Amino acid sequence: MHSAVFLIEFGAIILALGLLGRFAGRFRFSPIPLYLLAGLAFGEGGLLPLGASEEFVAIGAEIGVILLLLMLGLEYTASDLVSNLKTQYPAGLVDMGLNAVPGAIAALLMGWGPVAAVVLAGVTWISSSGVIAKVLGDLGRLGNRETPVILSILVLEDLAMAVYLPIITALLAGVGWAAGSLTLAIALGAAGLVLFLAVRYGRVISRFVSSDDPEKLLLVVLGLTILVAGIAQQLQVSAAVGAFLVGIALSGEVAEGAHTLLAPLRDLFAAVFFVFFGLHTDPASIPPVLLPALALAVVTACTKIATGYWAARRAKISVKGRWRAGGALVARGEFSIVIAGLAVTAGIEPSLGPLATAYVLILVIVGPLTARFAQPVAARVSGAVSRRREAANAVALPSPREPERATEESLDGQGTSGRS
């Protein structure tokens, strides 16, 4: 009986997610907000709370995080990451300063403490690579001049996660400075070692994993990723970091083949992850934090636009391209939920999960809109300002014809008086 209830519940979840994804695809927007809303509906305090399948959903959610980070790692080679670090690190620093600081300040103003401030800083800092990549593809901008700037910022954020996640894990675990420093040293050492091996011996690693049989390739890559993620977590380093590093280490045809094979699994378990996050958020807890989430969304949307504009200007992109780059970076999504999920599991602040949910829901909807309309709106506003300035100058300064008219009128007057 318990097995039957589990199958019914889990089958209903997957079917609902498929229908929601189809609905989102028809209207060309990200399904993430719909997945979060589905989790809110199925969770505690929702319309139809789950029971039998919740434990399995939790395991699926953990696999979803691992696959999300693995697929992001597969997008980049180690050499790409190294070159991006050398050339685009100023943009990464500006990105961190403009977008992480508002989250930290908001947490401190709400009295949540320093640990929650570090967590909320990460929530507001990291853009959604998945949503942004999809939006750029839908808008046909993958070949635009500003797109490499956007991708460079996303790559730097992904790299920063390899350092940030171990720090968060240590802080949430409540370990001391010595243990936290050791955890960070292990994470940095592992990341550095993987990058070194990937640059020097990437072909050897890929040749070892490679297989002409899709089934064997899938099993080896998936098994290796989950194994490394488990070892990383055992060493008090985030499992997500381990998965990300595995993705970086694979390159060439292996990375392309693994990406093709794992994409459906990633989509499935990532959807389960968003549902799982919604399950642990009481819908009644969202209204009290809706105004802070909205204010934080407005501020950080503006700071992301400023980040993209500055980075594109630094790369000598046209003004239109600068606005497009800024608007494309606004969306938050999977990373923000991953970070908030760690905090929710640790139980550091009850309101953090609801605020992060509301924040992501707002920006994952607004993000595609700013990507599409930031540049036209900026052009229209700029044109209106220019017209107002021209009108003001025209009123302030006399027309060049006015003196001539005045002279003619005076002569006419003289002539008339003479004739009279």
Protein backbone atom coordinates (compact mmCIF):
# COMPACT_ATOMS: atom_id res chain seq x y z
CA MET A 1 0.00 0.00 0.00
CA HIS A 2 2.81 2.37 0.90
CA SER A 3 4.52 1.56 -2.41
CA ALA A 4 1.34 2.25 -4.35
CA VAL A 5 0.87 5.62 -2.66
CA PHE A 6 4.50 6.50 -3.39
CA LEU A 7 4.12 5.64 -7.08
CA ILE A 8 0.91 7.65 -7.35
CA GLU A 9 2.39 10.70 -5.63
CA PHE A 10 5.68 10.69 -7.48
CA GLY A 11 4.03 9.97 -10.82
CA ALA A 12 1.66 12.89 -10.24
CA ILE A 13 4.61 15.18 -9.48
CA ILE A 14 6.50 14.22 -12.64
CA LEU A 15 3.37 14.54 -14.78
CA ALA A 16 2.59 17.96 -13.30
CA LEU A 17 6.16 19.12 -13.91
CA GLY A 18 5.98 17.98 -17.51
CA LEU A 19 2.74 19.87 -18.10
CA LEU A 20 4.11 22.98 -16.39
CA GLY A 21 7.29 22.81 -18.50
CA ARG A 22 5.22 22.50 -21.67
CA PHE A 23 3.11 25.49 -20.62
CA ALA A 24 6.23 27.58 -19.94
CA GLY A 25 7.78 26.54 -23.25
CA ARG A 26 4.69 27.61 -25.16
CA PHE A 27 4.95 31.13 -23.76
CA ARG A 28 8.78 31.19 -23.89
CA PHE A 29 9.63 31.79 -20.26
CA SER A 30 11.56 29.83 -17.65
CA PRO A 31 9.62 27.02 -15.92
CA ILE A 32 11.52 27.59 -12.64
CA PRO A 33 8.83 29.81 -11.06
CA LEU A 34 6.17 27.24 -11.94
CA TYR A 35 8.25 24.47 -10.35
CA LEU A 36 8.65 26.54 -7.19
CA LEU A 37 4.92 27.22 -7.09
CA ALA A 38 4.27 23.50 -7.53
CA GLY A 39 6.49 22.79 -4.53
CA LEU A 40 4.59 25.36 -2.49
CA ALA A 41 1.32 23.68 -3.49
CA PHE A 42 2.54 20.18 -2.52
CA GLY A 43 4.39 21.19 0.68
CA GLU A 44 3.34 21.81 4.24
CA GLY A 45 0.56 24.36 4.35
CA GLY A 46 -0.10 23.86 0.64
CA LEU A 47 -3.14 22.57 -1.19
CA LEU A 48 -2.09 18.90 -1.29
CA PRO A 49 0.75 17.96 1.11
CA LEU A 50 2.84 14.93 0.18
CA GLY A 51 3.76 12.13 2.52
CA ALA A 52 5.09 8.89 1.09
CA SER A 53 7.32 10.32 -1.66
CA GLU A 54 8.97 13.21 0.22
CA GLU A 55 12.10 11.24 1.16
CA PHE A 56 12.66 10.13 -2.43
CA VAL A 57 12.09 13.70 -3.64
CA ALA A 58 14.82 14.84 -1.21
CA ILE A 59 17.31 12.38 -2.72
CA GLY A 60 16.28 13.40 -6.23
CA ALA A 61 16.78 17.05 -5.30
CA GLU A 62 20.35 16.37 -4.16
CA ILE A 63 21.07 14.60 -7.45
CA GLY A 64 19.53 17.58 -9.25
CA VAL A 65 22.01 19.99 -7.65
CA ILE A 66 24.90 17.71 -8.58
CA LEU A 67 23.77 17.46 -12.20
CA LEU A 68 23.19 21.21 -12.47
CA LEU A 69 26.76 21.91 -11.42
CA LEU A 70 28.19 19.08 -13.55
CA MET A 71 26.49 20.43 -16.68
CA LEU A 72 27.75 23.93 -15.96
CA GLY A 73 31.27 22.56 -15.65
CA LEU A 74 30.90 20.77 -18.98
CA GLU A 75 30.19 24.11 -20.67
CA TYR A 76 33.73 25.38 -20.05
CA THR A 77 37.20 24.02 -20.59
CA ALA A 78 39.95 24.63 -18.06
CA SER A 79 41.83 26.85 -20.52
CA ASP A 80 38.69 28.97 -21.04
CA LEU A 81 38.37 29.42 -17.30
CA VAL A 82 42.02 30.41 -16.91
CA SER A 83 41.82 32.96 -19.76
CA ASN A 84 38.58 34.41 -18.37
CA LEU A 85 40.20 34.80 -14.97
CA LYS A 86 43.10 36.73 -16.50
CA THR A 87 41.09 39.08 -18.68
CA GLN A 88 37.70 39.52 -17.01
CA TYR A 89 38.46 39.43 -13.27
CA PRO A 90 37.77 43.19 -12.85
CA ALA A 91 34.22 42.60 -14.10
CA GLY A 92 33.90 39.74 -11.63
CA LEU A 93 34.98 41.97 -8.75
CA VAL A 94 32.52 44.69 -9.78
CA ASP A 95 29.81 42.06 -10.08
CA MET A 96 30.49 40.78 -6.56
CA GLY A 97 30.66 44.27 -5.05
CA LEU A 98 27.48 45.61 -6.65
CA ASN A 99 25.30 42.52 -6.17
CA ALA A 100 26.50 40.69 -3.06
CA VAL A 101 26.67 43.76 -0.82
CA PRO A 102 22.92 44.63 -1.09
CA GLY A 103 21.99 41.13 0.07
CA ALA A 104 24.37 41.26 3.03
CA ILE A 105 23.13 44.72 4.04
CA ALA A 106 19.49 43.59 3.79
CA ALA A 107 20.12 40.60 6.06
CA LEU A 108 21.88 42.75 8.64
CA LEU A 109 19.11 45.38 8.54
CA MET A 110 16.56 42.63 9.24
CA GLY A 111 18.63 41.47 12.18
CA TRP A 112 19.48 38.03 10.81
CA GLY A 113 23.14 38.00 11.81
CA PRO A 114 26.44 37.66 9.93
CA VAL A 115 26.01 34.06 8.75
CA ALA A 116 22.63 34.82 7.16
CA ALA A 117 24.19 37.96 5.66
CA VAL A 118 26.84 35.88 3.88
CA VAL A 119 24.14 33.50 2.63
CA LEU A 120 21.83 36.24 1.35
CA ALA A 121 24.81 37.94 -0.30
CA GLY A 122 25.29 34.81 -2.39
CA VAL A 123 21.57 34.62 -3.20
CA THR A 124 21.58 38.16 -4.64
CA TRP A 125 25.01 37.84 -6.27
CA ILE A 126 24.79 34.81 -8.58
CA SER A 127 22.83 35.05 -11.83
CA SER A 128 21.04 32.08 -13.34
CA SER A 129 23.24 30.60 -16.07
CA GLY A 130 20.48 28.26 -17.22
CA VAL A 131 17.80 30.95 -17.56
CA ILE A 132 20.18 33.45 -19.20
CA ALA A 133 21.48 30.90 -21.71
CA LYS A 134 17.91 29.99 -22.66
CA VAL A 135 16.87 33.63 -23.00
CA LEU A 136 19.87 34.48 -25.20
CA GLY A 137 19.04 31.52 -27.42
CA ASP A 138 15.36 32.47 -27.65
CA LEU A 139 16.25 36.07 -28.55
CA GLY A 140 18.83 34.99 -31.15
CA ARG A 141 21.69 36.82 -29.43
CA LEU A 142 24.23 34.02 -29.07
CA GLY A 143 26.31 35.59 -31.85
CA ASN A 144 26.11 39.17 -30.57
CA ARG A 145 29.28 41.04 -29.60
CA GLU A 146 28.13 41.48 -26.00
CA THR A 147 27.41 37.78 -25.45
CA PRO A 148 31.06 36.82 -24.64
CA VAL A 149 31.03 39.51 -21.94
CA ILE A 150 27.86 38.02 -20.44
CA LEU A 151 29.29 34.52 -20.54
CA SER A 152 32.57 35.68 -18.97
CA ILE A 153 30.70 37.10 -15.98
CA LEU A 154 28.73 33.87 -15.63
CA VAL A 155 31.94 31.82 -15.78
CA LEU A 156 33.54 33.97 -13.07
CA GLU A 157 30.45 33.51 -10.90
CA ASP A 158 30.64 29.75 -11.41
CA LEU A 159 34.29 29.79 -10.42
CA ALA A 160 33.52 31.91 -7.38
CA MET A 161 31.03 29.27 -6.30
CA ALA A 162 33.90 26.80 -5.95
CA VAL A 163 35.26 29.06 -3.20
CA TYR A 164 31.99 30.40 -1.85
CA LEU A 165 30.19 27.09 -1.27
CA PRO A 166 32.88 25.62 1.03
CA ILE A 167 32.83 28.86 3.06
CA ILE A 168 29.06 28.67 3.39
CA THR A 169 29.21 24.97 4.28
CA ALA A 170 31.71 25.67 7.05
CA LEU A 171 29.74 28.64 8.39
CA LEU A 172 26.44 26.75 8.41
CA ALA A 173 28.07 23.79 10.13
CA GLY A 174 29.23 26.11 12.90
CA VAL A 175 32.84 24.95 12.75
CA GLY A 176 35.65 27.03 14.20
CA TRP A 177 38.13 29.17 12.31
CA ALA A 178 40.68 26.38 12.18
CA ALA A 179 38.28 23.81 10.76
CA GLY A 180 36.75 26.38 8.40
CA SER A 181 40.17 27.41 7.11
CA LEU A 182 41.04 23.75 6.57
CA THR A 183 37.81 23.21 4.63
CA LEU A 184 38.50 26.22 2.43
CA ALA A 185 42.12 25.14 1.91
CA ILE A 186 40.94 21.68 0.83
CA ALA A 187 38.40 23.19 -1.57
CA LEU A 188 40.91 25.59 -3.11
CA GLY A 189 43.52 22.87 -3.30
CA ALA A 190 41.07 20.51 -5.01
CA ALA A 191 39.95 23.21 -7.45
CA GLY A 192 43.54 24.14 -8.26
CA LEU A 193 44.54 20.50 -8.68
CA VAL A 194 41.61 19.76 -10.97
CA LEU A 195 42.32 22.84 -13.10
CA PHE A 196 46.00 21.87 -13.35
CA LEU A 197 45.16 18.28 -14.32
CA ALA A 198 42.51 19.44 -16.78
CA VAL A 199 44.90 21.85 -18.50
CA ARG A 200 47.84 19.45 -18.60
CA TYR A 201 46.14 16.05 -18.85
CA GLY A 202 42.60 16.83 -19.99
CA ARG A 203 42.91 14.63 -23.06
CA VAL A 204 44.14 11.70 -21.00
CA ILE A 205 41.22 12.02 -18.55
CA SER A 206 38.72 12.35 -21.37
CA ARG A 207 40.24 9.35 -23.17
CA PHE A 208 39.89 7.28 -19.99
CA VAL A 209 36.21 8.20 -19.62
CA SER A 210 35.40 8.09 -23.34
CA SER A 211 33.32 5.31 -24.83
CA ASP A 212 31.57 4.81 -28.16
CA ASP A 213 28.68 3.16 -26.34
CA PRO A 214 26.32 5.88 -25.01
CA GLU A 215 25.15 3.62 -22.19
CA LYS A 216 28.69 3.06 -20.88
CA LEU A 217 29.60 6.73 -21.25
CA LEU A 218 26.52 7.74 -19.29
CA LEU A 219 27.19 5.25 -16.49
CA VAL A 220 30.88 6.16 -16.17
CA VAL A 221 30.35 9.96 -16.16
CA LEU A 222 27.35 9.81 -13.85
CA GLY A 223 29.02 7.33 -11.49
CA LEU A 224 32.27 9.33 -11.41
CA THR A 225 30.39 12.56 -10.71
CA ILE A 226 28.31 11.18 -7.84
CA LEU A 227 31.38 9.43 -6.39
CA VAL A 228 33.47 12.63 -6.44
CA ALA A 229 30.54 14.63 -5.07
CA GLY A 230 30.20 12.16 -2.19
CA ILE A 231 33.93 12.30 -1.41
CA ALA A 232 33.82 16.10 -1.50
CA GLN A 233 30.92 16.16 0.93
CA GLN A 234 32.71 13.70 3.21
CA LEU A 235 35.65 16.13 3.29
CA GLN A 236 33.23 18.93 4.34
CA VAL A 237 33.43 20.43 0.85
CA SER A 238 30.18 20.99 -1.03
CA ALA A 239 29.11 18.10 -3.25
CA ALA A 240 28.14 20.68 -5.87
CA VAL A 241 31.75 21.90 -6.05
CA GLY A 242 32.95 18.33 -6.65
CA ALA A 243 30.46 17.91 -9.49
CA PHE A 244 31.47 21.25 -11.03
CA LEU A 245 35.14 20.26 -10.99
CA VAL A 246 34.38 16.93 -12.69
CA GLY A 247 32.62 18.84 -15.47
CA ILE A 248 35.64 21.11 -15.92
CA ALA A 249 38.00 18.12 -16.12
CA LEU A 250 36.10 16.58 -19.06
CA SER A 251 36.53 18.16 -22.47
CA GLY A 252 36.21 17.57 -26.19
CA GLU A 253 33.94 14.88 -27.58
CA VAL A 254 33.45 13.34 -24.14
CA ALA A 255 32.04 16.58 -22.77
CA GLU A 256 29.75 17.00 -25.77
CA GLY A 257 28.54 13.39 -25.58
CA ALA A 258 28.02 13.56 -21.80
CA HIS A 259 26.15 16.85 -22.17
CA THR A 260 23.76 15.32 -24.68
CA LEU A 261 23.16 12.21 -22.59
CA LEU A 262 22.82 13.95 -19.24
CA ALA A 263 20.66 16.91 -20.34
CA PRO A 264 17.33 15.04 -19.90
CA LEU A 265 18.41 13.71 -16.49
CA ARG A 266 19.49 17.19 -15.44
CA ASP A 267 16.16 18.67 -16.47
CA LEU A 268 14.25 15.97 -14.58
CA PHE A 269 16.17 16.11 -11.30
CA ALA A 270 16.62 19.90 -11.43
CA ALA A 271 12.84 20.23 -11.64
CA VAL A 272 12.56 17.87 -8.66
CA PHE A 273 15.07 20.05 -6.80
CA PHE A 274 12.98 23.20 -7.28
CA VAL A 275 9.89 21.32 -6.15
CA PHE A 276 11.77 20.06 -3.08
CA PHE A 277 12.78 23.61 -2.16
CA GLY A 278 9.16 24.70 -2.47
CA LEU A 279 8.06 21.75 -0.32
CA HIS A 280 10.07 23.13 2.60
CA THR A 281 8.63 26.63 2.28
CA ASP A 282 5.30 27.35 3.91
CA PRO A 283 3.22 29.53 1.54
CA ALA A 284 1.92 31.45 4.57
CA SER A 285 5.49 32.58 5.33
CA ILE A 286 5.93 34.39 1.99
CA PRO A 287 3.56 37.40 2.38
CA PRO A 288 5.46 38.82 5.42
CA VAL A 289 8.71 38.90 3.41
CA LEU A 290 7.22 39.89 0.07
CA LEU A 291 7.96 43.62 0.39
CA PRO A 292 11.63 43.08 1.43
CA ALA A 293 12.01 40.58 -1.42
CA LEU A 294 10.50 43.05 -3.89
CA ALA A 295 12.73 45.90 -2.70
CA LEU A 296 15.81 43.67 -2.87
CA ALA A 297 14.79 42.51 -6.36
CA VAL A 298 14.47 46.10 -7.61
CA VAL A 299 17.84 47.13 -6.17
CA THR A 300 19.76 44.09 -7.42
CA ALA A 301 18.11 44.20 -10.84
CA CYS A 302 19.51 47.72 -11.20
CA THR A 303 22.94 46.68 -9.92
CA LYS A 304 23.08 43.74 -12.36
CA ILE A 305 22.21 46.03 -15.24
CA ALA A 306 24.96 48.37 -14.08
CA THR A 307 27.38 45.44 -13.91
CA GLY A 308 26.67 44.31 -17.46
CA TYR A 309 26.78 47.87 -18.79
CA TRP A 310 30.17 48.53 -17.16
CA ALA A 311 31.67 45.23 -18.32
CA ALA A 312 30.46 45.74 -21.90
CA ARG A 313 31.72 49.32 -21.90
CA ARG A 314 35.11 48.04 -20.73
CA ALA A 315 35.08 45.65 -23.69
CA LYS A 316 34.30 48.59 -26.03
CA ILE A 317 30.81 47.34 -26.92
CA SER A 318 28.30 49.84 -28.36
CA VAL A 319 25.78 51.54 -26.08
CA LYS A 320 22.98 49.29 -27.30
CA GLY A 321 25.07 46.22 -26.55
CA ARG A 322 25.86 47.53 -23.07
CA TRP A 323 22.19 47.79 -22.18
CA ARG A 324 21.49 44.34 -23.65
CA ALA A 325 24.35 42.85 -21.58
CA GLY A 326 23.03 44.44 -18.40
CA GLY A 327 19.44 43.39 -18.98
CA ALA A 328 20.44 39.79 -19.72
CA LEU A 329 22.16 39.33 -16.34
CA VAL A 330 19.16 40.16 -14.13
CA ALA A 331 17.65 36.67 -13.79
CA ARG A 332 18.40 34.66 -10.64
CA GLY A 333 17.53 30.98 -10.36
CA GLU A 334 19.19 27.68 -9.59
CA PHE A 335 22.29 28.96 -7.75
CA SER A 336 20.27 31.28 -5.52
CA ILE A 337 17.98 28.41 -4.56
CA VAL A 338 20.93 26.06 -3.98
CA ILE A 339 22.52 28.57 -1.59
CA ALA A 340 19.26 29.28 0.21
CA GLY A 341 18.55 25.55 0.39
CA LEU A 342 21.78 24.97 2.31
CA ALA A 343 20.72 27.62 4.82
CA VAL A 344 17.21 26.22 5.14
CA THR A 345 18.59 22.74 5.81
CA ALA A 346 20.90 24.17 8.49
CA GLY A 347 17.97 26.07 10.03
CA ILE A 348 19.80 29.36 10.61
CA GLU A 349 16.91 31.72 9.83
CA PRO A 350 13.27 30.67 9.25
CA SER A 351 12.46 33.66 7.01
CA LEU A 352 15.46 33.20 4.70
CA GLY A 353 13.88 30.40 2.65
CA PRO A 354 10.60 32.25 2.00
CA LEU A 355 12.43 35.47 1.13
CA ALA A 356 14.75 33.65 -1.29
CA THR A 357 11.76 31.92 -2.89
CA ALA A 358 9.90 35.21 -3.39
CA TYR A 359 13.08 36.92 -4.60
CA VAL A 360 13.83 34.24 -7.20
CA LEU A 361 10.19 34.11 -8.33
CA ILE A 362 10.27 37.86 -8.98
CA LEU A 363 13.60 37.98 -10.83
CA VAL A 364 13.18 34.76 -12.80
CA ILE A 365 10.05 36.38 -14.27
CA VAL A 366 11.51 39.89 -14.62
CA GLY A 367 14.88 38.67 -15.99
CA PRO A 368 13.67 37.62 -19.46
CA LEU A 369 11.72 40.90 -19.69
CA THR A 370 14.75 43.06 -18.88
CA ALA A 371 16.82 41.03 -21.36
CA ARG A 372 14.33 41.85 -24.08
CA PHE A 373 13.32 45.41 -23.22
CA ALA A 374 16.24 47.04 -21.33
CA GLN A 375 17.86 48.37 -24.50
CA PRO A 376 14.67 49.69 -26.20
CA VAL A 377 13.48 51.33 -22.98
CA ALA A 378 16.91 52.90 -22.42
CA ALA A 379 16.94 54.17 -26.01
CA ARG A 380 13.47 55.66 -25.63
CA VAL A 381 14.33 57.32 -22.31
CA SER A 382 17.60 58.63 -23.74
CA GLY A 383 15.77 60.01 -26.78
CA ALA A 384 13.16 61.70 -24.60
CA VAL A 385 15.88 63.28 -22.44
CA SER A 386 17.73 64.50 -25.54
CA ARG A 387 14.56 66.04 -26.96
CA ARG A 388 13.86 67.82 -23.68
CA ARG A 389 17.39 69.22 -23.61
CA GLU A 390 17.08 70.42 -27.19
CA ALA A 391 13.75 72.05 -26.39
CA ALA A 392 15.19 73.71 -23.29
CA ASN A 393 18.17 75.01 -25.27
CA ALA A 394 15.87 76.33 -27.97
CA VAL A 395 13.86 78.26 -25.38
CA ALA A 396 16.94 79.58 -23.57
CA LEU A 397 18.80 80.73 -26.69
CA PRO A 398 17.27 83.10 -29.32
CA SER A 399 16.92 81.79 -32.81
CA PRO A 400 19.54 83.05 -35.27
CA ARG A 401 16.73 84.51 -37.40
CA GLU A 402 15.31 86.63 -34.59
CA PRO A 403 17.87 89.52 -34.83
CA GLU A 404 17.33 89.69 -38.60
CA ARG A 405 13.58 89.83 -38.09
CA ALA A 406 13.99 92.52 -35.46
CA THR A 407 16.15 94.58 -37.87
CA GLU A 408 13.69 94.11 -40.69
CA GLU A 409 10.80 95.12 -38.44
CA SER A 410 12.66 98.26 -37.32
CA LEU A 411 13.51 99.16 -40.91
CA ASP A 412 9.93 98.55 -41.92
CA GLY A 413 8.87 100.81 -39.14
CA GLN A 414 11.33 103.49 -40.25
CA GLY A 415 10.27 103.11 -43.80
CA THR A 416 6.64 103.42 -42.89
CA SER A 417 7.24 106.49 -40.81
CA GLY A 418 9.25 108.01 -43.66
CA ARG A 419 6.51 107.30 -46.16
CA SER A 420 3.98 108.78 -43.86
